[in-house]
């Protein structure tokens, strides 16, 4: 399992295993819909004040973007530590920003 900085793919340890995350266009659309946003203008502000539910939504979308559909679909039952989740989301967004 490898990161690919050119594509914005990062690897983060979640629930004891390395998992790929990527902010794809599909993941971005899923995040907008899941957070009830009408575009990207409110995303940065919303990311500063994520609830636990919001964090699940964002992390699930990023995992699907990285091809980790199984974990994304079971995330609420996976035992992922909240700090791990927050760090993984930050890492994926930083990679997407270049």
N, C-alpha and C. Protein backbone atom coordinates (compact mmCIF):
# COMPACT_ATOMS: atom_id res chain seq x y z
N UNK A 1 0.85 -1.16 0.00
CA UNK A 1 0.00 0.00 0.00
C UNK A 1 0.90 1.23 0.00
N UNK A 2 0.77 2.05 -1.02
CA UNK A 2 1.67 3.18 -1.15
C UNK A 2 0.91 4.48 -1.34
N UNK A 3 1.51 5.52 -0.82
CA UNK A 3 0.99 6.86 -1.04
C UNK A 3 1.41 7.29 -2.45
N UNK A 4 0.69 8.21 -3.02
CA UNK A 4 1.02 8.76 -4.32
C UNK A 4 0.77 10.26 -4.26
N UNK A 5 1.80 11.00 -3.87
CA UNK A 5 1.67 12.44 -3.69
C UNK A 5 1.19 13.17 -4.92
N UNK A 6 1.57 12.69 -6.09
CA UNK A 6 1.15 13.35 -7.33
C UNK A 6 -0.36 13.28 -7.52
N UNK A 7 -0.98 12.22 -7.04
CA UNK A 7 -2.44 12.05 -7.16
C UNK A 7 -3.17 12.46 -5.89
N UNK A 8 -2.44 12.86 -4.84
CA UNK A 8 -3.07 13.25 -3.59
C UNK A 8 -3.47 12.08 -2.72
N UNK A 9 -2.94 10.89 -2.99
CA UNK A 9 -3.24 9.71 -2.19
C UNK A 9 -2.29 9.67 -1.00
N UNK A 10 -2.85 9.54 0.19
CA UNK A 10 -2.05 9.43 1.40
C UNK A 10 -2.39 8.11 2.09
N UNK A 11 -1.49 7.66 2.94
CA UNK A 11 -1.74 6.48 3.75
C UNK A 11 -1.74 6.92 5.21
N UNK A 12 -2.79 6.53 5.91
CA UNK A 12 -2.91 6.84 7.34
C UNK A 12 -3.24 5.56 8.08
N UNK A 13 -2.77 5.46 9.30
CA UNK A 13 -3.08 4.29 10.13
C UNK A 13 -4.43 4.52 10.80
N UNK A 14 -5.37 3.64 10.48
CA UNK A 14 -6.71 3.68 11.06
C UNK A 14 -7.07 2.28 11.50
N UNK A 15 -7.51 2.14 12.74
CA UNK A 15 -7.88 0.83 13.29
C UNK A 15 -6.74 -0.17 13.14
N UNK A 16 -5.51 0.30 13.32
CA UNK A 16 -4.35 -0.58 13.33
C UNK A 16 -3.77 -0.97 11.99
N UNK A 17 -4.30 -0.41 10.89
CA UNK A 17 -3.79 -0.77 9.56
C UNK A 17 -3.63 0.48 8.69
N UNK A 18 -2.70 0.41 7.77
CA UNK A 18 -2.51 1.50 6.82
C UNK A 18 -3.68 1.53 5.84
N UNK A 19 -4.27 2.69 5.66
CA UNK A 19 -5.42 2.85 4.75
C UNK A 19 -5.16 4.02 3.81
N UNK A 20 -5.57 3.86 2.55
CA UNK A 20 -5.42 4.93 1.56
C UNK A 20 -6.60 5.88 1.63
N UNK A 21 -6.31 7.17 1.53
CA UNK A 21 -7.33 8.21 1.48
C UNK A 21 -7.00 9.13 0.33
N UNK A 22 -8.03 9.65 -0.33
CA UNK A 22 -7.80 10.58 -1.43
C UNK A 22 -9.01 11.49 -1.59
N UNK A 23 -8.74 12.77 -1.73
CA UNK A 23 -9.80 13.75 -1.98
C UNK A 23 -10.04 13.83 -3.48
N UNK A 24 -10.86 12.91 -3.97
CA UNK A 24 -11.23 12.90 -5.38
C UNK A 24 -12.42 13.82 -5.60
N UNK A 25 -12.79 14.04 -6.84
CA UNK A 25 -13.97 14.84 -7.14
C UNK A 25 -15.22 14.17 -6.56
N UNK A 26 -15.29 12.85 -6.68
CA UNK A 26 -16.41 12.12 -6.11
C UNK A 26 -16.46 12.25 -4.59
N UNK A 27 -15.30 12.18 -3.94
CA UNK A 27 -15.25 12.34 -2.48
C UNK A 27 -15.69 13.74 -2.09
N UNK A 28 -15.26 14.72 -2.85
CA UNK A 28 -15.65 16.10 -2.57
C UNK A 28 -17.16 16.29 -2.70
N UNK A 29 -17.75 15.72 -3.73
CA UNK A 29 -19.20 15.79 -3.91
C UNK A 29 -19.92 15.08 -2.77
N UNK A 30 -19.39 13.93 -2.35
CA UNK A 30 -19.99 13.19 -1.24
C UNK A 30 -19.92 14.00 0.06
N UNK A 31 -18.80 14.69 0.27
CA UNK A 31 -18.64 15.52 1.46
C UNK A 31 -19.63 16.68 1.44
N UNK A 32 -19.74 17.35 0.29
CA UNK A 32 -20.70 18.46 0.17
C UNK A 32 -22.11 17.99 0.50
N UNK A 33 -22.52 16.88 -0.09
CA UNK A 33 -23.87 16.35 0.13
C UNK A 33 -24.05 15.93 1.59
N UNK A 34 -23.08 15.22 2.13
CA UNK A 34 -23.18 14.73 3.50
C UNK A 34 -23.22 15.81 4.54
N UNK A 35 -22.55 16.94 4.25
CA UNK A 35 -22.52 18.05 5.19
C UNK A 35 -23.59 19.09 4.89
N UNK A 36 -24.35 18.86 3.81
CA UNK A 36 -25.42 19.78 3.46
C UNK A 36 -24.92 21.12 2.94
N UNK A 37 -23.81 21.10 2.23
CA UNK A 37 -23.23 22.32 1.69
C UNK A 37 -23.70 22.53 0.26
N UNK A 38 -23.80 23.77 -0.14
CA UNK A 38 -24.21 24.11 -1.50
C UNK A 38 -23.02 24.55 -2.34
N UNK A 39 -21.88 24.01 -2.10
CA UNK A 39 -20.67 24.38 -2.83
C UNK A 39 -19.49 24.40 -1.89
N UNK A 40 -18.36 24.80 -2.41
CA UNK A 40 -17.13 24.75 -1.63
C UNK A 40 -16.94 25.94 -0.69
N UNK A 41 -17.72 26.99 -0.87
CA UNK A 41 -17.48 28.20 -0.10
C UNK A 41 -17.57 27.98 1.41
N UNK A 42 -18.45 27.12 1.86
CA UNK A 42 -18.59 26.89 3.29
C UNK A 42 -17.77 25.73 3.82
N UNK A 43 -17.08 25.03 2.94
CA UNK A 43 -16.36 23.83 3.37
C UNK A 43 -15.24 24.14 4.35
N UNK A 44 -14.43 25.14 4.07
CA UNK A 44 -13.29 25.46 4.95
C UNK A 44 -13.78 25.82 6.35
N UNK A 45 -14.82 26.61 6.43
CA UNK A 45 -15.36 26.99 7.74
C UNK A 45 -15.92 25.77 8.46
N UNK A 46 -16.64 24.95 7.76
CA UNK A 46 -17.24 23.76 8.36
C UNK A 46 -16.17 22.79 8.86
N UNK A 47 -15.06 22.69 8.13
CA UNK A 47 -14.00 21.77 8.51
C UNK A 47 -13.36 22.18 9.85
N UNK A 48 -13.46 23.45 10.20
CA UNK A 48 -12.88 23.90 11.48
C UNK A 48 -13.71 23.46 12.68
N UNK A 49 -14.97 23.12 12.45
CA UNK A 49 -15.87 22.82 13.57
C UNK A 49 -16.63 21.51 13.33
N UNK A 50 -15.93 20.49 12.85
CA UNK A 50 -16.58 19.22 12.56
C UNK A 50 -17.12 18.54 13.82
N UNK A 51 -18.34 18.07 13.74
CA UNK A 51 -18.88 17.20 14.79
C UNK A 51 -18.36 15.79 14.52
N UNK A 52 -18.63 14.89 15.45
CA UNK A 52 -18.24 13.49 15.25
C UNK A 52 -18.93 12.92 14.03
N UNK A 53 -20.20 13.25 13.84
CA UNK A 53 -20.95 12.77 12.66
C UNK A 53 -20.33 13.31 11.37
N UNK A 54 -19.96 14.60 11.39
CA UNK A 54 -19.32 15.21 10.22
C UNK A 54 -18.00 14.52 9.92
N UNK A 55 -17.23 14.23 10.97
CA UNK A 55 -15.94 13.57 10.79
C UNK A 55 -16.12 12.20 10.13
N UNK A 56 -17.13 11.45 10.55
CA UNK A 56 -17.43 10.16 9.91
C UNK A 56 -17.76 10.34 8.44
N UNK A 57 -18.55 11.36 8.13
CA UNK A 57 -18.94 11.63 6.74
C UNK A 57 -17.72 11.93 5.89
N UNK A 58 -16.87 12.82 6.37
CA UNK A 58 -15.68 13.23 5.61
C UNK A 58 -14.70 12.07 5.47
N UNK A 59 -14.42 11.38 6.56
CA UNK A 59 -13.47 10.28 6.51
C UNK A 59 -13.97 9.16 5.59
N UNK A 60 -15.25 8.85 5.67
CA UNK A 60 -15.81 7.82 4.79
C UNK A 60 -15.61 8.18 3.32
N UNK A 61 -15.88 9.42 2.97
CA UNK A 61 -15.72 9.87 1.58
C UNK A 61 -14.26 9.78 1.14
N UNK A 62 -13.35 10.18 2.00
CA UNK A 62 -11.92 10.13 1.66
C UNK A 62 -11.44 8.69 1.52
N UNK A 63 -11.94 7.80 2.36
CA UNK A 63 -11.58 6.39 2.24
C UNK A 63 -12.10 5.81 0.93
N UNK A 64 -13.34 6.13 0.56
CA UNK A 64 -13.86 5.66 -0.72
C UNK A 64 -13.02 6.20 -1.87
N UNK A 65 -12.61 7.46 -1.77
CA UNK A 65 -11.75 8.07 -2.79
C UNK A 65 -10.42 7.35 -2.93
N UNK A 66 -9.95 6.77 -1.82
CA UNK A 66 -8.70 6.02 -1.83
C UNK A 66 -8.87 4.55 -2.14
N UNK A 67 -10.11 4.13 -2.39
CA UNK A 67 -10.36 2.72 -2.73
C UNK A 67 -10.60 1.83 -1.53
N UNK A 68 -10.82 2.42 -0.37
CA UNK A 68 -11.01 1.65 0.87
C UNK A 68 -12.49 1.54 1.22
N UNK A 69 -13.28 1.09 0.27
CA UNK A 69 -14.74 1.05 0.43
C UNK A 69 -15.19 0.21 1.62
N UNK A 70 -14.56 -0.93 1.88
CA UNK A 70 -15.00 -1.80 2.98
C UNK A 70 -14.94 -1.08 4.31
N UNK A 71 -13.82 -0.42 4.60
CA UNK A 71 -13.72 0.32 5.86
C UNK A 71 -14.67 1.50 5.86
N UNK A 72 -14.80 2.20 4.75
CA UNK A 72 -15.70 3.35 4.68
C UNK A 72 -17.13 2.94 5.02
N UNK A 73 -17.55 1.79 4.55
CA UNK A 73 -18.91 1.32 4.78
C UNK A 73 -19.14 0.84 6.21
N UNK A 74 -18.08 0.49 6.91
CA UNK A 74 -18.17 -0.03 8.28
C UNK A 74 -17.56 0.92 9.30
N UNK A 75 -17.30 2.14 8.91
CA UNK A 75 -16.53 3.06 9.75
C UNK A 75 -17.15 3.28 11.12
N UNK A 76 -18.45 3.36 11.21
CA UNK A 76 -19.09 3.60 12.50
C UNK A 76 -18.93 2.44 13.47
N UNK A 77 -18.53 1.27 12.99
CA UNK A 77 -18.33 0.10 13.84
C UNK A 77 -16.88 -0.37 13.86
N UNK A 78 -15.97 0.43 13.35
CA UNK A 78 -14.60 -0.02 13.11
C UNK A 78 -13.64 0.15 14.28
N UNK A 79 -13.96 0.95 15.24
CA UNK A 79 -13.04 1.20 16.33
C UNK A 79 -11.94 2.19 16.00
N UNK A 80 -12.14 2.99 14.95
CA UNK A 80 -11.16 4.02 14.61
C UNK A 80 -11.16 5.08 15.71
N UNK A 81 -9.99 5.40 16.20
CA UNK A 81 -9.82 6.42 17.23
C UNK A 81 -10.14 7.80 16.64
N UNK A 82 -10.86 8.65 17.35
CA UNK A 82 -11.20 9.98 16.82
C UNK A 82 -9.98 10.82 16.45
N UNK A 83 -8.91 10.72 17.22
CA UNK A 83 -7.69 11.47 16.87
C UNK A 83 -7.07 10.97 15.59
N UNK A 84 -7.05 9.64 15.42
CA UNK A 84 -6.56 9.06 14.16
C UNK A 84 -7.40 9.57 12.99
N UNK A 85 -8.70 9.59 13.19
CA UNK A 85 -9.60 10.04 12.13
C UNK A 85 -9.32 11.49 11.76
N UNK A 86 -9.21 12.35 12.75
CA UNK A 86 -8.97 13.77 12.48
C UNK A 86 -7.62 13.98 11.79
N UNK A 87 -6.59 13.26 12.24
CA UNK A 87 -5.27 13.37 11.62
C UNK A 87 -5.29 12.88 10.18
N UNK A 88 -6.02 11.80 9.92
CA UNK A 88 -6.10 11.26 8.56
C UNK A 88 -6.80 12.25 7.62
N UNK A 89 -7.88 12.85 8.10
CA UNK A 89 -8.60 13.85 7.29
C UNK A 89 -7.69 15.03 6.99
N UNK A 90 -6.99 15.53 8.00
CA UNK A 90 -6.08 16.67 7.79
C UNK A 90 -4.98 16.31 6.79
N UNK A 91 -4.46 15.12 6.90
CA UNK A 91 -3.38 14.66 6.01
C UNK A 91 -3.88 14.60 4.55
N UNK A 92 -5.10 14.09 4.36
CA UNK A 92 -5.66 13.98 3.00
C UNK A 92 -5.91 15.36 2.39
N UNK A 93 -6.44 16.28 3.18
CA UNK A 93 -6.68 17.63 2.65
C UNK A 93 -5.36 18.35 2.36
N UNK A 94 -4.36 18.15 3.21
CA UNK A 94 -3.05 18.76 2.96
C UNK A 94 -2.43 18.23 1.67
N UNK A 95 -2.57 16.93 1.44
CA UNK A 95 -2.03 16.34 0.20
C UNK A 95 -2.74 16.88 -1.02
N UNK A 96 -4.05 17.08 -0.91
CA UNK A 96 -4.83 17.61 -2.05
C UNK A 96 -4.45 19.05 -2.35
N UNK A 97 -4.04 19.79 -1.32
CA UNK A 97 -3.65 21.19 -1.51
C UNK A 97 -2.28 21.31 -2.15
N UNK A 98 -1.53 20.22 -2.13
CA UNK A 98 -0.23 20.20 -2.80
C UNK A 98 0.86 20.49 -1.87
